[in-house]
Every structure is written in structure tokens, then in C-alpha cells.
Amino acid sequence: MKKLLFILPLLLFGADKSCTKCNLNKAQMKCEYYLVQKRDTSRAKECAFYADYLDKTKVYGKASWYYLLALKPKKAIDAAKKAVKMGEFFAYEYLGDAYLILGDEKKAKRNYQIFRKKIGNTKFFTNQNFKILKRLYKNFDIEKAKNMLE
């Protein structure tokens, strides 16, 4: 794992600048590395770039998650609503997350409850996501989110 973390930054900067797909892959890797692994919120633009692409290509559920990583919970809500309309019910979690981050506990709880009903056992999905969100958003309350899911 340590070797991967050492090699990953080298790969992030090595791709050809003219390759659009390469730039998207780099943005995703930078987002995962800097925000998720290193907790460097100054690099949120990498996540936003990737989320914007996903949103434009109608990959709304994934876009919603990356908007959360990009520190853009309002955009995450917009993308998650589109995802739910397309049957991507896992996006109800992202709606709950975004509403909780924005302080709307009523909407957060409603979306977490729908997520639990549609998906079933949610702990597998949520435990890791909640930890990541807590590192990025100081006001994200993991225990409150878990209680809303029950």
C-alpha cells in the first residue's frame, strides 16, 4: 500500500495533456488521492472537474458522490435527484448526506430512510462513506447519520 501511495502521485502527473480521457482519469485519481487519502480540501477542484463530466454524461449517481467530495453539496443534491429518477436508488444516500451537511435534518432523514428501504443492508455502503465525509466536512455527524438510517 505504501508503494502504491508513493507511485500514484508520479502517475498523476505523467499522462499526455492532449488526452481527454487521460485528464478525466487523472482528475479522478487526484480526487481520490488528495481528498480521500490525504484530506487536502484545497484540491477539491479535481473532484469538481470529474463530477461535472459525469453529470454531463448522465452518470448522475457517481457525479453526486464526487460533488460531495468536491465540497459542493448543493450540486450533489441536483445530481442525486436525477440519479434517483433514473432508478439509481443508492443516490438516496448522497441526498441524505448532502442535506445533513447543509443542516436540513428532516430531508436527510427522509432520504436515508428511503435509501434503507430500497437498498436493504446499508452498513456496507455507508460506513466508509460517512468516515470520508466526516474528514471533509467538520459538521458531518456520523452518529446522527447512522441514527437516521435506523
N, C-alpha and C. Protein backbone atom coordinates (compact mmCIF):
# COMPACT_ATOMS: atom_id res chain seq x y z
N MET A 1 0.82 -1.19 0.00
CA MET A 1 0.00 0.00 0.00
C MET A 1 0.87 1.25 0.00
N LYS A 2 1.95 1.24 0.79
CA LYS A 2 2.84 2.40 0.83
C LYS A 2 3.48 2.64 -0.52
N LYS A 3 3.82 1.54 -1.21
CA LYS A 3 4.42 1.69 -2.54
C LYS A 3 3.43 2.34 -3.50
N LEU A 4 2.16 1.91 -3.41
CA LEU A 4 1.14 2.48 -4.26
C LEU A 4 0.98 3.98 -4.00
N LEU A 5 0.97 4.37 -2.74
CA LEU A 5 0.83 5.78 -2.40
C LEU A 5 2.04 6.59 -2.86
N PHE A 6 3.19 5.96 -2.98
CA PHE A 6 4.38 6.64 -3.48
C PHE A 6 4.32 6.77 -5.01
N ILE A 7 3.88 5.71 -5.67
CA ILE A 7 3.85 5.67 -7.13
C ILE A 7 2.69 6.49 -7.69
N LEU A 8 1.55 6.49 -7.01
CA LEU A 8 0.37 7.17 -7.51
C LEU A 8 0.61 8.63 -7.89
N PRO A 9 1.25 9.44 -7.05
CA PRO A 9 1.48 10.83 -7.46
C PRO A 9 2.33 10.95 -8.73
N LEU A 10 3.25 10.02 -8.93
CA LEU A 10 4.05 10.04 -10.15
C LEU A 10 3.18 9.80 -11.38
N LEU A 11 2.23 8.88 -11.25
CA LEU A 11 1.34 8.59 -12.37
C LEU A 11 0.36 9.72 -12.63
N LEU A 12 0.00 10.44 -11.59
CA LEU A 12 -0.98 11.51 -11.73
C LEU A 12 -0.51 12.62 -12.66
N PHE A 13 0.77 12.82 -12.71
CA PHE A 13 1.30 13.92 -13.50
C PHE A 13 1.97 13.48 -14.79
N GLY A 14 1.94 12.18 -15.08
CA GLY A 14 2.66 11.66 -16.23
C GLY A 14 1.87 11.53 -17.51
N ALA A 15 0.57 11.67 -17.50
CA ALA A 15 -0.23 11.42 -18.70
C ALA A 15 -0.11 12.57 -19.69
N ASP A 16 -0.35 12.25 -20.96
CA ASP A 16 -0.32 13.21 -22.06
C ASP A 16 -1.43 14.25 -21.86
N LYS A 17 -1.11 15.54 -22.00
CA LYS A 17 -2.06 16.62 -21.77
C LYS A 17 -3.20 16.63 -22.80
N SER A 18 -2.97 16.09 -24.00
CA SER A 18 -3.99 16.14 -25.04
C SER A 18 -5.05 15.05 -24.90
N CYS A 19 -4.89 14.17 -24.01
CA CYS A 19 -5.79 13.02 -23.85
C CYS A 19 -6.93 13.38 -22.89
N THR A 20 -8.13 13.59 -23.44
CA THR A 20 -9.27 13.97 -22.60
C THR A 20 -9.59 12.89 -21.58
N LYS A 21 -9.66 11.64 -22.04
CA LYS A 21 -9.94 10.53 -21.11
C LYS A 21 -8.84 10.45 -20.06
N CYS A 22 -7.61 10.70 -20.48
CA CYS A 22 -6.50 10.68 -19.52
C CYS A 22 -6.69 11.76 -18.46
N ASN A 23 -7.12 12.94 -18.91
CA ASN A 23 -7.35 14.03 -17.96
C ASN A 23 -8.46 13.68 -16.98
N LEU A 24 -9.48 13.00 -17.48
CA LEU A 24 -10.56 12.57 -16.58
C LEU A 24 -10.06 11.55 -15.58
N ASN A 25 -9.28 10.59 -16.08
CA ASN A 25 -8.72 9.58 -15.18
C ASN A 25 -7.79 10.23 -14.16
N LYS A 26 -7.00 11.19 -14.61
CA LYS A 26 -6.11 11.90 -13.68
C LYS A 26 -6.92 12.66 -12.64
N ALA A 27 -7.99 13.31 -13.08
CA ALA A 27 -8.82 14.06 -12.13
C ALA A 27 -9.43 13.13 -11.09
N GLN A 28 -9.92 11.98 -11.54
CA GLN A 28 -10.49 11.03 -10.59
C GLN A 28 -9.43 10.54 -9.60
N MET A 29 -8.26 10.18 -10.12
CA MET A 29 -7.20 9.68 -9.24
C MET A 29 -6.73 10.77 -8.28
N LYS A 30 -6.59 12.00 -8.78
CA LYS A 30 -6.18 13.11 -7.91
C LYS A 30 -7.23 13.35 -6.82
N CYS A 31 -8.48 13.29 -7.21
CA CYS A 31 -9.56 13.48 -6.24
C CYS A 31 -9.47 12.42 -5.15
N GLU A 32 -9.38 11.16 -5.57
CA GLU A 32 -9.31 10.06 -4.60
C GLU A 32 -8.06 10.18 -3.72
N TYR A 33 -6.95 10.54 -4.34
CA TYR A 33 -5.69 10.60 -3.59
C TYR A 33 -5.66 11.80 -2.64
N TYR A 34 -5.90 12.98 -3.17
CA TYR A 34 -5.73 14.19 -2.36
C TYR A 34 -6.87 14.39 -1.35
N LEU A 35 -8.10 14.17 -1.77
CA LEU A 35 -9.20 14.43 -0.84
C LEU A 35 -9.49 13.24 0.07
N VAL A 36 -9.60 12.05 -0.51
CA VAL A 36 -9.97 10.89 0.30
C VAL A 36 -8.79 10.41 1.14
N GLN A 37 -7.62 10.28 0.53
CA GLN A 37 -6.46 9.74 1.25
C GLN A 37 -5.75 10.80 2.10
N LYS A 38 -5.47 11.94 1.49
CA LYS A 38 -4.66 12.97 2.15
C LYS A 38 -5.48 14.07 2.85
N ARG A 39 -6.78 14.09 2.61
CA ARG A 39 -7.67 15.08 3.23
C ARG A 39 -7.31 16.52 2.87
N ASP A 40 -6.81 16.72 1.67
CA ASP A 40 -6.38 18.04 1.21
C ASP A 40 -7.53 18.69 0.45
N THR A 41 -8.35 19.46 1.14
CA THR A 41 -9.53 20.06 0.52
C THR A 41 -9.18 21.17 -0.47
N SER A 42 -7.94 21.61 -0.48
CA SER A 42 -7.55 22.63 -1.47
C SER A 42 -7.55 22.04 -2.88
N ARG A 43 -7.63 20.73 -3.01
CA ARG A 43 -7.64 20.06 -4.31
C ARG A 43 -9.05 19.66 -4.74
N ALA A 44 -10.07 20.24 -4.13
CA ALA A 44 -11.46 19.87 -4.43
C ALA A 44 -11.82 20.10 -5.89
N LYS A 45 -11.11 21.00 -6.57
CA LYS A 45 -11.41 21.27 -7.98
C LYS A 45 -11.24 20.03 -8.85
N GLU A 46 -10.35 19.13 -8.45
CA GLU A 46 -10.16 17.88 -9.21
C GLU A 46 -11.44 17.06 -9.17
N CYS A 47 -12.06 16.99 -8.01
CA CYS A 47 -13.32 16.25 -7.86
C CYS A 47 -14.44 16.95 -8.63
N ALA A 48 -14.45 18.27 -8.59
CA ALA A 48 -15.49 19.03 -9.29
C ALA A 48 -15.38 18.83 -10.80
N PHE A 49 -14.16 18.84 -11.33
CA PHE A 49 -13.94 18.62 -12.76
C PHE A 49 -14.50 17.26 -13.17
N TYR A 50 -14.17 16.24 -12.39
CA TYR A 50 -14.63 14.89 -12.68
C TYR A 50 -16.15 14.79 -12.52
N ALA A 51 -16.70 15.38 -11.46
CA ALA A 51 -18.14 15.34 -11.23
C ALA A 51 -18.90 16.04 -12.35
N ASP A 52 -18.38 17.17 -12.83
CA ASP A 52 -19.03 17.88 -13.93
C ASP A 52 -19.10 17.00 -15.18
N TYR A 53 -18.02 16.30 -15.46
CA TYR A 53 -18.02 15.40 -16.62
C TYR A 53 -19.07 14.30 -16.44
N LEU A 54 -19.09 13.69 -15.26
CA LEU A 54 -20.06 12.62 -15.01
C LEU A 54 -21.49 13.15 -15.13
N ASP A 55 -21.72 14.34 -14.64
CA ASP A 55 -23.05 14.95 -14.73
C ASP A 55 -23.44 15.18 -16.19
N LYS A 56 -22.53 15.68 -16.98
CA LYS A 56 -22.81 15.94 -18.40
C LYS A 56 -23.07 14.65 -19.17
N THR A 57 -22.45 13.56 -18.74
CA THR A 57 -22.62 12.28 -19.43
C THR A 57 -23.70 11.42 -18.78
N LYS A 58 -24.48 12.02 -17.91
CA LYS A 58 -25.64 11.40 -17.28
C LYS A 58 -25.30 10.22 -16.36
N VAL A 59 -24.14 10.27 -15.76
CA VAL A 59 -23.76 9.29 -14.74
C VAL A 59 -24.01 9.99 -13.40
N TYR A 60 -25.28 10.22 -13.13
CA TYR A 60 -25.68 11.12 -12.06
C TYR A 60 -25.34 10.64 -10.65
N GLY A 61 -25.51 9.35 -10.40
CA GLY A 61 -25.23 8.85 -9.05
C GLY A 61 -23.78 9.05 -8.66
N LYS A 62 -22.90 8.67 -9.57
CA LYS A 62 -21.47 8.83 -9.31
C LYS A 62 -21.11 10.32 -9.24
N ALA A 63 -21.72 11.11 -10.11
CA ALA A 63 -21.48 12.56 -10.08
C ALA A 63 -21.84 13.14 -8.72
N SER A 64 -22.94 12.67 -8.16
CA SER A 64 -23.37 13.16 -6.86
C SER A 64 -22.31 12.92 -5.80
N TRP A 65 -21.74 11.72 -5.78
CA TRP A 65 -20.69 11.40 -4.80
C TRP A 65 -19.48 12.32 -4.99
N TYR A 66 -19.07 12.50 -6.24
CA TYR A 66 -17.90 13.34 -6.48
C TYR A 66 -18.17 14.82 -6.20
N TYR A 67 -19.41 15.26 -6.35
CA TYR A 67 -19.74 16.62 -5.92
C TYR A 67 -19.62 16.75 -4.40
N LEU A 68 -20.00 15.70 -3.67
CA LEU A 68 -19.79 15.74 -2.22
C LEU A 68 -18.31 15.83 -1.90
N LEU A 69 -17.49 15.06 -2.61
CA LEU A 69 -16.05 15.12 -2.40
C LEU A 69 -15.49 16.48 -2.79
N ALA A 70 -16.13 17.13 -3.77
CA ALA A 70 -15.70 18.45 -4.25
C ALA A 70 -16.18 19.58 -3.35
N LEU A 71 -16.83 19.22 -2.25
CA LEU A 71 -17.35 20.21 -1.29
C LEU A 71 -18.47 21.05 -1.90
N LYS A 72 -19.27 20.42 -2.75
CA LYS A 72 -20.40 21.08 -3.42
C LYS A 72 -21.69 20.30 -3.15
N PRO A 73 -22.18 20.34 -1.90
CA PRO A 73 -23.36 19.53 -1.57
C PRO A 73 -24.63 19.92 -2.33
N LYS A 74 -24.78 21.18 -2.71
CA LYS A 74 -25.98 21.58 -3.47
C LYS A 74 -25.97 20.94 -4.85
N LYS A 75 -24.82 20.89 -5.49
CA LYS A 75 -24.72 20.22 -6.78
C LYS A 75 -24.92 18.72 -6.62
N ALA A 76 -24.46 18.18 -5.49
CA ALA A 76 -24.66 16.76 -5.20
C ALA A 76 -26.15 16.43 -5.13
N ILE A 77 -26.91 17.32 -4.54
CA ILE A 77 -28.36 17.12 -4.45
C ILE A 77 -28.98 17.10 -5.85
N ASP A 78 -28.61 18.05 -6.68
CA ASP A 78 -29.16 18.10 -8.04
C ASP A 78 -28.85 16.82 -8.81
N ALA A 79 -27.62 16.37 -8.74
CA ALA A 79 -27.22 15.15 -9.45
C ALA A 79 -27.92 13.92 -8.87
N ALA A 80 -28.01 13.84 -7.56
CA ALA A 80 -28.65 12.68 -6.92
C ALA A 80 -30.13 12.60 -7.27
N LYS A 81 -30.80 13.73 -7.35
CA LYS A 81 -32.22 13.72 -7.74
C LYS A 81 -32.39 13.15 -9.14
N LYS A 82 -31.49 13.52 -10.05
CA LYS A 82 -31.54 12.96 -11.41
C LYS A 82 -31.26 11.46 -11.38
N ALA A 83 -30.31 11.05 -10.55
CA ALA A 83 -29.96 9.64 -10.44
C ALA A 83 -31.15 8.81 -9.96
N VAL A 84 -31.84 9.31 -8.96
CA VAL A 84 -33.00 8.60 -8.40
C VAL A 84 -34.08 8.44 -9.47
N LYS A 85 -34.29 9.49 -10.27
CA LYS A 85 -35.28 9.41 -11.35
C LYS A 85 -34.92 8.33 -12.36
N MET A 86 -33.63 8.04 -12.49
CA MET A 86 -33.17 7.01 -13.42
C MET A 86 -33.08 5.63 -12.76
N GLY A 87 -33.53 5.53 -11.53
CA GLY A 87 -33.53 4.24 -10.84
C GLY A 87 -32.26 3.92 -10.08
N GLU A 88 -31.38 4.89 -9.94
CA GLU A 88 -30.14 4.69 -9.17
C GLU A 88 -30.44 5.00 -7.71
N PHE A 89 -31.06 4.03 -7.03
CA PHE A 89 -31.58 4.28 -5.69
C PHE A 89 -30.50 4.46 -4.64
N PHE A 90 -29.28 4.02 -4.92
CA PHE A 90 -28.19 4.25 -3.97
C PHE A 90 -27.94 5.75 -3.77
N ALA A 91 -28.38 6.56 -4.73
CA ALA A 91 -28.17 8.01 -4.64
C ALA A 91 -29.00 8.64 -3.52
N TYR A 92 -29.98 7.91 -2.99
CA TYR A 92 -30.70 8.43 -1.83
C TYR A 92 -29.75 8.67 -0.66
N GLU A 93 -28.71 7.84 -0.56
CA GLU A 93 -27.72 8.08 0.50
C GLU A 93 -27.06 9.43 0.30
N TYR A 94 -26.66 9.74 -0.93
CA TYR A 94 -25.98 11.00 -1.20
C TYR A 94 -26.91 12.19 -0.95
N LEU A 95 -28.20 12.01 -1.24
CA LEU A 95 -29.16 13.06 -0.90
C LEU A 95 -29.19 13.27 0.61
N GLY A 96 -29.25 12.17 1.36
CA GLY A 96 -29.23 12.28 2.82
C GLY A 96 -27.97 12.95 3.31
N ASP A 97 -26.83 12.53 2.76
CA ASP A 97 -25.55 13.11 3.16
C ASP A 97 -25.53 14.62 2.91
N ALA A 98 -25.93 15.01 1.71
CA ALA A 98 -25.88 16.43 1.34
C ALA A 98 -26.82 17.26 2.20
N TYR A 99 -28.02 16.75 2.42
CA TYR A 99 -28.96 17.50 3.26
C TYR A 99 -28.45 17.61 4.69
N LEU A 100 -27.85 16.55 5.20
CA LEU A 100 -27.30 16.61 6.56
C LEU A 100 -26.16 17.63 6.63
N ILE A 101 -25.32 17.65 5.63
CA ILE A 101 -24.22 18.62 5.57
C ILE A 101 -24.77 20.05 5.56
N LEU A 102 -25.87 20.25 4.84
CA LEU A 102 -26.47 21.58 4.73
C LEU A 102 -27.37 21.93 5.91
N GLY A 103 -27.54 20.98 6.83
CA GLY A 103 -28.31 21.26 8.04
C GLY A 103 -29.80 20.97 7.97
N ASP A 104 -30.27 20.36 6.89
CA ASP A 104 -31.69 20.03 6.75
C ASP A 104 -31.91 18.58 7.20
N GLU A 105 -32.04 18.41 8.51
CA GLU A 105 -32.12 17.06 9.08
C GLU A 105 -33.39 16.33 8.67
N LYS A 106 -34.48 17.04 8.48
CA LYS A 106 -35.74 16.40 8.09
C LYS A 106 -35.59 15.73 6.71
N LYS A 107 -35.06 16.47 5.75
CA LYS A 107 -34.86 15.91 4.41
C LYS A 107 -33.78 14.82 4.43
N ALA A 108 -32.76 15.01 5.24
CA ALA A 108 -31.71 14.00 5.36
C ALA A 108 -32.31 12.68 5.84
N LYS A 109 -33.07 12.74 6.90
CA LYS A 109 -33.66 11.52 7.46
C LYS A 109 -34.60 10.85 6.46
N ARG A 110 -35.42 11.64 5.79
CA ARG A 110 -36.35 11.08 4.80
C ARG A 110 -35.58 10.32 3.71
N ASN A 111 -34.51 10.91 3.22
CA ASN A 111 -33.74 10.26 2.15
C ASN A 111 -32.97 9.05 2.65
N TYR A 112 -32.42 9.11 3.85
CA TYR A 112 -31.76 7.94 4.43
C TYR A 112 -32.75 6.79 4.60
N GLN A 113 -33.97 7.10 5.03
CA GLN A 113 -34.98 6.06 5.22
C GLN A 113 -35.36 5.41 3.89
N ILE A 114 -35.52 6.21 2.86
CA ILE A 114 -35.82 5.66 1.53
C ILE A 114 -34.65 4.80 1.06
N PHE A 115 -33.44 5.27 1.27
CA PHE A 115 -32.24 4.51 0.91
C PHE A 115 -32.26 3.14 1.58
N ARG A 116 -32.54 3.12 2.87
CA ARG A 116 -32.55 1.86 3.61
C ARG A 116 -33.62 0.91 3.07
N LYS A 117 -34.80 1.45 2.76
CA LYS A 117 -35.89 0.62 2.22
C LYS A 117 -35.55 0.06 0.85
N LYS A 118 -34.96 0.87 0.01
CA LYS A 118 -34.66 0.45 -1.36
C LYS A 118 -33.45 -0.48 -1.44
N ILE A 119 -32.45 -0.25 -0.61
CA ILE A 119 -31.19 -0.99 -0.71
C ILE A 119 -31.13 -2.15 0.28
N GLY A 120 -31.69 -2.00 1.44
CA GLY A 120 -31.63 -3.06 2.45
C GLY A 120 -30.49 -2.81 3.41
N ASN A 121 -29.55 -3.73 3.48
CA ASN A 121 -28.41 -3.60 4.40
C ASN A 121 -27.51 -2.46 3.91
N THR A 122 -27.54 -1.38 4.62
CA THR A 122 -26.83 -0.18 4.16
C THR A 122 -25.47 0.02 4.80
N LYS A 123 -25.16 -0.75 5.83
CA LYS A 123 -23.91 -0.52 6.56
C LYS A 123 -22.68 -0.66 5.66
N PHE A 124 -22.73 -1.63 4.75
CA PHE A 124 -21.61 -1.84 3.84
C PHE A 124 -21.31 -0.57 3.05
N PHE A 125 -22.36 0.08 2.57
CA PHE A 125 -22.20 1.27 1.75
C PHE A 125 -21.85 2.51 2.56
N THR A 126 -22.49 2.64 3.69
CA THR A 126 -22.43 3.92 4.39
C THR A 126 -21.24 4.09 5.33
N ASN A 127 -20.78 3.04 5.96
CA ASN A 127 -19.72 3.21 6.97
C ASN A 127 -18.50 3.93 6.41
N GLN A 128 -18.02 3.47 5.27
CA GLN A 128 -16.84 4.10 4.67
C GLN A 128 -17.15 5.51 4.18
N ASN A 129 -18.30 5.67 3.54
CA ASN A 129 -18.68 7.00 3.04
C ASN A 129 -18.79 8.01 4.17
N PHE A 130 -19.39 7.61 5.27
CA PHE A 130 -19.54 8.52 6.40
C PHE A 130 -18.18 8.94 6.95
N LYS A 131 -17.24 8.02 7.02
CA LYS A 131 -15.90 8.36 7.51
C LYS A 131 -15.23 9.38 6.60
N ILE A 132 -15.37 9.17 5.31
CA ILE A 132 -14.78 10.10 4.34
C ILE A 132 -15.42 11.49 4.48
N LEU A 133 -16.73 11.52 4.57
CA LEU A 133 -17.43 12.81 4.68
C LEU A 133 -17.08 13.53 5.97
N LYS A 134 -16.89 12.80 7.04
CA LYS A 134 -16.51 13.43 8.32
C LYS A 134 -15.14 14.10 8.20
N ARG A 135 -14.25 13.49 7.44
CA ARG A 135 -12.92 14.09 7.26
C ARG A 135 -12.99 15.37 6.43
N LEU A 136 -13.96 15.44 5.53
CA LEU A 136 -14.07 16.60 4.64
C LEU A 136 -14.97 17.71 5.18
N TYR A 137 -15.99 17.31 5.93
CA TYR A 137 -16.96 18.27 6.47
C TYR A 137 -16.95 18.16 7.99
N LYS A 138 -16.48 19.17 8.64
CA LYS A 138 -16.40 19.15 10.11
C LYS A 138 -17.77 19.02 10.76
N ASN A 139 -18.81 19.52 10.10
CA ASN A 139 -20.16 19.47 10.68
C ASN A 139 -20.89 18.16 10.39
N PHE A 140 -20.28 17.24 9.65
CA PHE A 140 -20.95 15.97 9.35
C PHE A 140 -20.90 15.08 10.58
N ASP A 141 -22.05 14.72 11.08
CA ASP A 141 -22.18 13.93 12.31
C ASP A 141 -22.49 12.48 11.96
N ILE A 142 -21.49 11.62 12.07
CA ILE A 142 -21.64 10.21 11.70
C ILE A 142 -22.73 9.54 12.52
N GLU A 143 -22.73 9.77 13.81
CA GLU A 143 -23.72 9.11 14.68
C GLU A 143 -25.14 9.56 14.33
N LYS A 144 -25.30 10.82 14.03
CA LYS A 144 -26.62 11.33 13.64
C LYS A 144 -27.06 10.67 12.34
N ALA A 145 -26.14 10.56 11.39
CA ALA A 145 -26.47 9.93 10.11
C ALA A 145 -26.85 8.46 10.31
N LYS A 146 -26.08 7.75 11.14
CA LYS A 146 -26.40 6.34 11.41
C LYS A 146 -27.76 6.20 12.07
N ASN A 147 -28.07 7.07 13.01
CA ASN A 147 -29.37 7.03 13.68
C ASN A 147 -30.51 7.31 12.71
N MET A 148 -30.28 8.19 11.76
CA MET A 148 -31.32 8.49 10.77
C MET A 148 -31.59 7.31 9.86
N LEU A 149 -30.59 6.47 9.67
CA LEU A 149 -30.75 5.28 8.83
C LEU A 149 -31.56 4.18 9.51
N GLU A 150 -31.64 4.22 10.82
CA GLU A 150 -32.32 3.13 11.55
C GLU A 150 -33.81 3.31 11.59
